[in-house]
Amino acid sequence: MPQNLTDDDVTNRTLLGRLTLPLTGWTARLYHHDGHPARLVLDPGGGSPLTYSLLRPPVPEQLLLQAHHVGLDRAFGPAAISTVTLAYGMTGRGPTEPSFLRHRTWRPPLVHEARPLTLADHIWLAEAPGHFDEARVTADGHTAVRLV
Protein backbone atom coordinates (compact mmCIF):
# COMPACT_ATOMS: atom_id res chain seq x y z
CA MET A 1 0.00 0.00 0.00
CA PRO A 2 1.46 3.42 -0.96
CA GLN A 3 2.37 5.68 1.92
CA ASN A 4 1.88 9.43 1.89
CA LEU A 5 4.94 11.53 2.62
CA THR A 6 4.74 14.13 5.33
CA ASP A 7 6.60 17.44 5.31
CA ASP A 8 9.13 15.87 7.70
CA ASP A 9 9.87 13.12 5.15
CA VAL A 10 10.77 15.60 2.41
CA THR A 11 13.85 17.15 3.95
CA ASN A 12 17.52 17.09 3.04
CA ARG A 13 18.02 13.98 5.19
CA THR A 14 16.02 11.96 2.63
CA LEU A 15 17.75 13.44 -0.42
CA LEU A 16 18.82 10.70 -2.84
CA GLY A 17 20.32 12.93 -5.55
CA ARG A 18 20.54 16.43 -7.00
CA LEU A 19 21.29 17.67 -10.53
CA THR A 20 21.38 21.08 -12.24
CA LEU A 21 20.38 21.12 -15.91
CA PRO A 22 22.89 22.88 -18.19
CA LEU A 23 20.55 24.76 -20.58
CA THR A 24 17.65 25.79 -18.35
CA GLY A 25 19.50 25.99 -15.04
CA TRP A 26 16.64 24.11 -13.35
CA THR A 27 17.55 21.97 -10.33
CA ALA A 28 16.19 18.43 -10.00
CA ARG A 29 16.14 16.72 -6.61
CA LEU A 30 15.10 13.15 -5.89
CA TYR A 31 13.93 12.16 -2.41
CA HIS A 32 13.53 8.63 -1.07
CA HIS A 33 11.25 7.00 1.45
CA ASP A 34 11.99 3.56 2.92
CA GLY A 35 14.91 3.21 0.50
CA HIS A 36 12.85 3.73 -2.66
CA PRO A 37 12.63 6.86 -4.85
CA ALA A 38 9.42 8.57 -3.77
CA ARG A 39 9.37 12.19 -4.90
CA LEU A 40 10.91 14.22 -7.74
CA VAL A 41 11.13 18.00 -7.28
CA LEU A 42 12.05 20.30 -10.17
CA ASP A 43 12.95 23.85 -9.18
CA PRO A 44 13.06 26.48 -11.93
CA GLY A 45 14.93 28.84 -9.62
CA GLY A 46 12.01 31.19 -9.22
CA GLY A 47 8.35 30.54 -8.70
CA SER A 48 6.86 27.28 -7.53
CA PRO A 49 8.75 24.00 -7.87
CA LEU A 50 7.09 21.07 -9.66
CA THR A 51 6.62 17.93 -7.52
CA TYR A 52 5.89 14.39 -8.68
CA SER A 53 5.11 11.37 -6.51
CA LEU A 54 6.76 8.27 -7.95
CA LEU A 55 5.40 4.74 -7.96
CA ARG A 56 7.55 1.71 -7.22
CA PRO A 57 8.65 -0.26 -9.10
CA PRO A 58 8.89 1.98 -12.21
CA VAL A 59 5.84 1.51 -14.41
CA PRO A 60 5.52 2.35 -18.14
CA GLU A 61 3.10 5.19 -17.28
CA GLN A 62 5.95 7.02 -15.54
CA LEU A 63 8.49 6.47 -18.32
CA LEU A 64 7.74 10.04 -19.49
CA LEU A 65 6.41 12.15 -16.62
CA GLN A 66 6.21 15.53 -18.35
CA ALA A 67 7.59 17.86 -21.03
CA HIS A 68 7.74 21.67 -20.97
CA HIS A 69 8.84 24.67 -22.95
CA VAL A 70 11.14 26.81 -20.85
CA GLY A 71 11.73 30.44 -21.78
CA LEU A 72 15.26 31.63 -21.11
CA ASP A 73 16.18 34.97 -19.58
CA ARG A 74 18.67 35.56 -22.38
CA ALA A 75 19.08 34.04 -25.81
CA PHE A 76 22.16 31.93 -26.53
CA GLY A 77 23.93 30.34 -29.49
CA PRO A 78 24.27 31.40 -33.12
CA ALA A 79 20.51 31.11 -33.75
CA ALA A 80 19.72 33.13 -30.59
CA ILE A 81 17.71 30.33 -28.95
CA SER A 82 15.34 31.74 -26.34
CA THR A 83 13.35 28.55 -25.62
CA VAL A 84 14.43 25.12 -24.44
CA THR A 85 12.25 22.02 -24.47
CA LEU A 86 12.64 19.88 -21.35
CA ALA A 87 11.38 16.32 -20.75
CA TYR A 88 11.87 13.88 -17.88
CA GLY A 89 10.70 10.55 -16.51
CA MET A 90 11.72 7.39 -14.70
CA THR A 91 14.43 5.12 -16.03
CA GLY A 92 13.81 1.47 -16.82
CA ARG A 93 16.15 -1.49 -16.74
CA GLY A 94 17.67 -0.72 -20.15
CA PRO A 95 18.96 2.41 -21.87
CA THR A 96 16.64 5.40 -22.13
CA GLU A 97 16.42 7.04 -25.57
CA PRO A 98 14.62 10.42 -25.53
CA SER A 99 13.95 12.50 -28.64
CA PHE A 100 12.15 15.73 -29.48
CA LEU A 101 10.03 16.24 -32.62
CA ARG A 102 9.00 19.40 -34.44
CA HIS A 103 6.12 18.75 -36.82
CA ARG A 104 6.22 20.45 -40.22
CA THR A 105 3.50 20.80 -42.85
CA TRP A 106 3.83 18.34 -45.75
CA ARG A 107 7.24 17.12 -44.57
CA PRO A 108 8.47 14.55 -42.09
CA PRO A 109 8.98 15.88 -38.58
CA LEU A 110 12.33 17.29 -37.56
CA VAL A 111 13.75 14.88 -34.95
CA HIS A 112 16.34 15.85 -32.35
CA GLU A 113 17.88 12.88 -30.50
CA ALA A 114 18.83 13.89 -26.97
CA ARG A 115 21.37 12.47 -24.56
CA PRO A 116 19.67 12.13 -21.18
CA LEU A 117 21.16 13.07 -17.85
CA THR A 118 20.49 10.54 -15.11
CA LEU A 119 19.63 11.46 -11.54
CA ALA A 120 20.50 8.80 -8.93
CA ASP A 121 20.00 6.00 -11.50
CA HIS A 122 16.20 6.48 -11.27
CA ILE A 123 15.26 9.62 -13.20
CA TRP A 124 16.27 10.75 -16.70
CA LEU A 125 16.13 14.37 -17.83
CA ALA A 126 16.75 15.72 -21.34
CA GLU A 127 16.88 19.21 -22.83
CA ALA A 128 16.89 20.42 -26.43
CA PRO A 129 17.45 24.00 -27.56
CA GLY A 130 14.39 25.28 -29.39
CA HIS A 131 10.62 24.87 -29.45
CA PHE A 132 9.53 21.27 -30.12
CA ASP A 133 5.98 19.91 -30.41
CA GLU A 134 6.45 16.44 -28.99
CA ALA A 135 8.70 14.47 -26.65
CA ARG A 136 9.26 10.72 -27.02
CA VAL A 137 11.20 8.22 -24.99
CA THR A 138 11.88 4.56 -25.61
CA ALA A 139 13.09 2.15 -22.92
CA ASP A 140 12.52 -1.50 -22.06
CA GLY A 141 10.51 -2.07 -25.25
CA HIS A 142 8.01 0.69 -24.40
CA THR A 143 7.60 4.06 -26.09
CA ALA A 144 5.93 7.00 -24.36
CA VAL A 145 4.84 10.15 -26.19
CA ARG A 146 3.77 13.49 -24.80
CA LEU A 147 2.72 16.62 -26.64
CA VAL A 148 4.47 19.72 -25.36
C-alpha atoms as a PDB file:
ATOM      1  CA  MET A   1       0.000   0.000   0.000  1.00  0.00           C
ATOM      2  CA  PRO A   2       1.465   3.425  -0.955  1.00  0.00           C
ATOM      3  CA  GLN A   3       2.374   5.684   1.919  1.00  0.00           C
ATOM      4  CA  ASN A   4       1.877   9.431   1.894  1.00  0.00           C
ATOM      5  CA  LEU A   5       4.937  11.533   2.617  1.00  0.00           C
ATOM      6  CA  THR A   6       4.744  14.130   5.330  1.00  0.00           C
ATOM      7  CA  ASP A   7       6.597  17.437   5.312  1.00  0.00           C
ATOM      8  CA  ASP A   8       9.133  15.873   7.698  1.00  0.00           C
ATOM      9  CA  ASP A   9       9.874  13.125   5.147  1.00  0.00           C
ATOM     10  CA  VAL A  10      10.768  15.598   2.405  1.00  0.00           C
ATOM     11  CA  THR A  11      13.853  17.147   3.947  1.00  0.00           C
ATOM     12  CA  ASN A  12      17.522  17.088   3.040  1.00  0.00           C
ATOM     13  CA  ARG A  13      18.023  13.982   5.193  1.00  0.00           C
ATOM     14  CA  THR A  14      16.023  11.962   2.628  1.00  0.00           C
ATOM     15  CA  LEU A  15      17.749  13.441  -0.421  1.00  0.00           C
ATOM     16  CA  LEU A  16      18.816  10.703  -2.842  1.00  0.00           C
ATOM     17  CA  GLY A  17      20.320  12.925  -5.549  1.00  0.00           C
ATOM     18  CA  ARG A  18      20.542  16.429  -6.999  1.00  0.00           C
ATOM     19  CA  LEU A  19      21.291  17.674 -10.530  1.00  0.00           C
ATOM     20  CA  THR A  20      21.379  21.081 -12.238  1.00  0.00           C
ATOM     21  CA  LEU A  21      20.377  21.118 -15.906  1.00  0.00           C
ATOM     22  CA  PRO A  22      22.886  22.877 -18.189  1.00  0.00           C
ATOM     23  CA  LEU A  23      20.551  24.757 -20.578  1.00  0.00           C
ATOM     24  CA  THR A  24      17.648  25.786 -18.354  1.00  0.00           C
ATOM     25  CA  GLY A  25      19.498  25.985 -15.039  1.00  0.00           C
ATOM     26  CA  TRP A  26      16.641  24.106 -13.347  1.00  0.00           C
ATOM     27  CA  THR A  27      17.551  21.971 -10.333  1.00  0.00           C
ATOM     28  CA  ALA A  28      16.192  18.434 -10.001  1.00  0.00           C
ATOM     29  CA  ARG A  29      16.141  16.717  -6.612  1.00  0.00           C
ATOM     30  CA  LEU A  30      15.103  13.147  -5.891  1.00  0.00           C
ATOM     31  CA  TYR A  31      13.934  12.157  -2.407  1.00  0.00           C
ATOM     32  CA  HIS A  32      13.534   8.632  -1.072  1.00  0.00           C
ATOM     33  CA  HIS A  33      11.252   7.000   1.452  1.00  0.00           C
ATOM     34  CA  ASP A  34      11.985   3.557   2.918  1.00  0.00           C
ATOM     35  CA  GLY A  35      14.911   3.214   0.498  1.00  0.00           C
ATOM     36  CA  HIS A  36      12.853   3.732  -2.662  1.00  0.00           C
ATOM     37  CA  PRO A  37      12.626   6.864  -4.848  1.00  0.00           C
ATOM     38  CA  ALA A  38       9.419   8.571  -3.771  1.00  0.00           C
ATOM     39  CA  ARG A  39       9.371  12.193  -4.901  1.00  0.00           C
ATOM     40  CA  LEU A  40      10.907  14.224  -7.743  1.00  0.00           C
ATOM     41  CA  VAL A  41      11.129  17.996  -7.277  1.00  0.00           C
ATOM     42  CA  LEU A  42      12.052  20.301 -10.168  1.00  0.00           C
ATOM     43  CA  ASP A  43      12.947  23.850  -9.178  1.00  0.00           C
ATOM     44  CA  PRO A  44      13.064  26.477 -11.929  1.00  0.00           C
ATOM     45  CA  GLY A  45      14.934  28.843  -9.623  1.00  0.00           C
ATOM     46  CA  GLY A  46      12.005  31.193  -9.219  1.00  0.00           C
ATOM     47  CA  GLY A  47       8.349  30.542  -8.696  1.00  0.00           C
ATOM     48  CA  SER A  48       6.861  27.283  -7.534  1.00  0.00           C
ATOM     49  CA  PRO A  49       8.755  23.998  -7.875  1.00  0.00           C
ATOM     50  CA  LEU A  50       7.090  21.070  -9.660  1.00  0.00           C
ATOM     51  CA  THR A  51       6.623  17.933  -7.524  1.00  0.00           C
ATOM     52  CA  TYR A  52       5.889  14.387  -8.685  1.00  0.00           C
ATOM     53  CA  SER A  53       5.106  11.371  -6.512  1.00  0.00           C
ATOM     54  CA  LEU A  54       6.760   8.269  -7.949  1.00  0.00           C
ATOM     55  CA  LEU A  55       5.404   4.737  -7.961  1.00  0.00           C
ATOM     56  CA  ARG A  56       7.548   1.713  -7.223  1.00  0.00           C
ATOM     57  CA  PRO A  57       8.648  -0.262  -9.102  1.00  0.00           C
ATOM     58  CA  PRO A  58       8.889   1.981 -12.209  1.00  0.00           C
ATOM     59  CA  VAL A  59       5.844   1.511 -14.414  1.00  0.00           C
ATOM     60  CA  PRO A  60       5.516   2.352 -18.143  1.00  0.00           C
ATOM     61  CA  GLU A  61       3.099   5.191 -17.279  1.00  0.00           C
ATOM     62  CA  GLN A  62       5.953   7.017 -15.545  1.00  0.00           C
ATOM     63  CA  LEU A  63       8.494   6.474 -18.320  1.00  0.00           C
ATOM     64  CA  LEU A  64       7.741  10.044 -19.488  1.00  0.00           C
ATOM     65  CA  LEU A  65       6.411  12.149 -16.619  1.00  0.00           C
ATOM     66  CA  GLN A  66       6.213  15.534 -18.352  1.00  0.00           C
ATOM     67  CA  ALA A  67       7.588  17.858 -21.025  1.00  0.00           C
ATOM     68  CA  HIS A  68       7.741  21.668 -20.973  1.00  0.00           C
ATOM     69  CA  HIS A  69       8.842  24.666 -22.950  1.00  0.00           C
ATOM     70  CA  VAL A  70      11.144  26.810 -20.846  1.00  0.00           C
ATOM     71  CA  GLY A  71      11.726  30.443 -21.782  1.00  0.00           C
ATOM     72  CA  LEU A  72      15.256  31.633 -21.107  1.00  0.00           C
ATOM     73  CA  ASP A  73      16.180  34.966 -19.577  1.00  0.00           C
ATOM     74  CA  ARG A  74      18.669  35.559 -22.378  1.00  0.00           C
ATOM     75  CA  ALA A  75      19.077  34.039 -25.810  1.00  0.00           C
ATOM     76  CA  PHE A  76      22.160  31.930 -26.532  1.00  0.00           C
ATOM     77  CA  GLY A  77      23.935  30.344 -29.491  1.00  0.00           C
ATOM     78  CA  PRO A  78      24.271  31.398 -33.122  1.00  0.00           C
ATOM     79  CA  ALA A  79      20.510  31.112 -33.751  1.00  0.00           C
ATOM     80  CA  ALA A  80      19.717  33.130 -30.589  1.00  0.00           C
ATOM     81  CA  ILE A  81      17.712  30.334 -28.949  1.00  0.00           C
ATOM     82  CA  SER A  82      15.338  31.744 -26.341  1.00  0.00           C
ATOM     83  CA  THR A  83      13.348  28.548 -25.624  1.00  0.00           C
ATOM     84  CA  VAL A  84      14.435  25.124 -24.435  1.00  0.00           C
ATOM     85  CA  THR A  85      12.247  22.020 -24.469  1.00  0.00           C
ATOM     86  CA  LEU A  86      12.645  19.883 -21.346  1.00  0.00           C
ATOM     87  CA  ALA A  87      11.381  16.319 -20.753  1.00  0.00           C
ATOM     88  CA  TYR A  88      11.867  13.877 -17.883  1.00  0.00           C
ATOM     89  CA  GLY A  89      10.702  10.548 -16.508  1.00  0.00           C
ATOM     90  CA  MET A  90      11.715   7.388 -14.701  1.00  0.00           C
ATOM     91  CA  THR A  91      14.427   5.119 -16.028  1.00  0.00           C
ATOM     92  CA  GLY A  92      13.808   1.466 -16.816  1.00  0.00           C
ATOM     93  CA  ARG A  93      16.151  -1.486 -16.740  1.00  0.00           C
ATOM     94  CA  GLY A  94      17.674  -0.725 -20.151  1.00  0.00           C
ATOM     95  CA  PRO A  95      18.960   2.408 -21.866  1.00  0.00           C
ATOM     96  CA  THR A  96      16.645   5.396 -22.130  1.00  0.00           C
ATOM     97  CA  GLU A  97      16.415   7.039 -25.567  1.00  0.00           C
ATOM     98  CA  PRO A  98      14.618  10.422 -25.535  1.00  0.00           C
ATOM     99  CA  SER A  99      13.953  12.500 -28.645  1.00  0.00           C
ATOM    100  CA  PHE A 100      12.145  15.725 -29.482  1.00  0.00           C
ATOM    101  CA  LEU A 101      10.032  16.245 -32.621  1.00  0.00           C
ATOM    102  CA  ARG A 102       9.001  19.403 -34.438  1.00  0.00           C
ATOM    103  CA  HIS A 103       6.119  18.750 -36.823  1.00  0.00           C
ATOM    104  CA  ARG A 104       6.217  20.448 -40.221  1.00  0.00           C
ATOM    105  CA  THR A 105       3.505  20.797 -42.846  1.00  0.00           C
ATOM    106  CA  TRP A 106       3.834  18.344 -45.754  1.00  0.00           C
ATOM    107  CA  ARG A 107       7.238  17.116 -44.574  1.00  0.00           C
ATOM    108  CA  PRO A 108       8.474  14.549 -42.091  1.00  0.00           C
ATOM    109  CA  PRO A 109       8.979  15.881 -38.580  1.00  0.00           C
ATOM    110  CA  LEU A 110      12.330  17.288 -37.560  1.00  0.00           C
ATOM    111  CA  VAL A 111      13.751  14.882 -34.951  1.00  0.00           C
ATOM    112  CA  HIS A 112      16.342  15.846 -32.349  1.00  0.00           C
ATOM    113  CA  GLU A 113      17.880  12.884 -30.504  1.00  0.00           C
ATOM    114  CA  ALA A 114      18.828  13.894 -26.970  1.00  0.00           C
ATOM    115  CA  ARG A 115      21.374  12.473 -24.563  1.00  0.00           C
ATOM    116  CA  PRO A 116      19.670  12.128 -21.183  1.00  0.00           C
ATOM    117  CA  LEU A 117      21.163  13.066 -17.851  1.00  0.00           C
ATOM    118  CA  THR A 118      20.492  10.536 -15.111  1.00  0.00           C
ATOM    119  CA  LEU A 119      19.626  11.465 -11.542  1.00  0.00           C
ATOM    120  CA  ALA A 120      20.503   8.802  -8.925  1.00  0.00           C
ATOM    121  CA  ASP A 121      19.999   6.004 -11.502  1.00  0.00           C
ATOM    122  CA  HIS A 122      16.202   6.480 -11.266  1.00  0.00           C
ATOM    123  CA  ILE A 123      15.255   9.623 -13.202  1.00  0.00           C
ATOM    124  CA  TRP A 124      16.271  10.752 -16.702  1.00  0.00           C
ATOM    125  CA  LEU A 125      16.128  14.374 -17.833  1.00  0.00           C
ATOM    126  CA  ALA A 126      16.750  15.718 -21.343  1.00  0.00           C
ATOM    127  CA  GLU A 127      16.879  19.212 -22.828  1.00  0.00           C
ATOM    128  CA  ALA A 128      16.888  20.423 -26.427  1.00  0.00           C
ATOM    129  CA  PRO A 129      17.447  23.998 -27.560  1.00  0.00           C
ATOM    130  CA  GLY A 130      14.388  25.285 -29.390  1.00  0.00           C
ATOM    131  CA  HIS A 131      10.621  24.872 -29.446  1.00  0.00           C
ATOM    132  CA  PHE A 132       9.531  21.269 -30.117  1.00  0.00           C
ATOM    133  CA  ASP A 133       5.980  19.914 -30.411  1.00  0.00           C
ATOM    134  CA  GLU A 134       6.451  16.435 -28.993  1.00  0.00           C
ATOM    135  CA  ALA A 135       8.703  14.475 -26.646  1.00  0.00           C
ATOM    136  CA  ARG A 136       9.260  10.720 -27.020  1.00  0.00           C
ATOM    137  CA  VAL A 137      11.197   8.224 -24.989  1.00  0.00           C
ATOM    138  CA  THR A 138      11.879   4.556 -25.614  1.00  0.00           C
ATOM    139  CA  ALA A 139      13.086   2.151 -22.924  1.00  0.00           C
ATOM    140  CA  ASP A 140      12.517  -1.501 -22.060  1.00  0.00           C
ATOM    141  CA  GLY A 141      10.511  -2.072 -25.254  1.00  0.00           C
ATOM    142  CA  HIS A 142       8.007   0.690 -24.399  1.00  0.00           C
ATOM    143  CA  THR A 143       7.602   4.064 -26.089  1.00  0.00           C
ATOM    144  CA  ALA A 144       5.928   7.000 -24.358  1.00  0.00           C
ATOM    145  CA  VAL A 145       4.839  10.149 -26.193  1.00  0.00           C
ATOM    146  CA  ARG A 146       3.774  13.493 -24.796  1.00  0.00           C
ATOM    147  CA  LEU A 147       2.723  16.621 -26.645  1.00  0.00           C
ATOM    148  CA  VAL A 148       4.469  19.720 -25.357  1.00  0.00           C
END
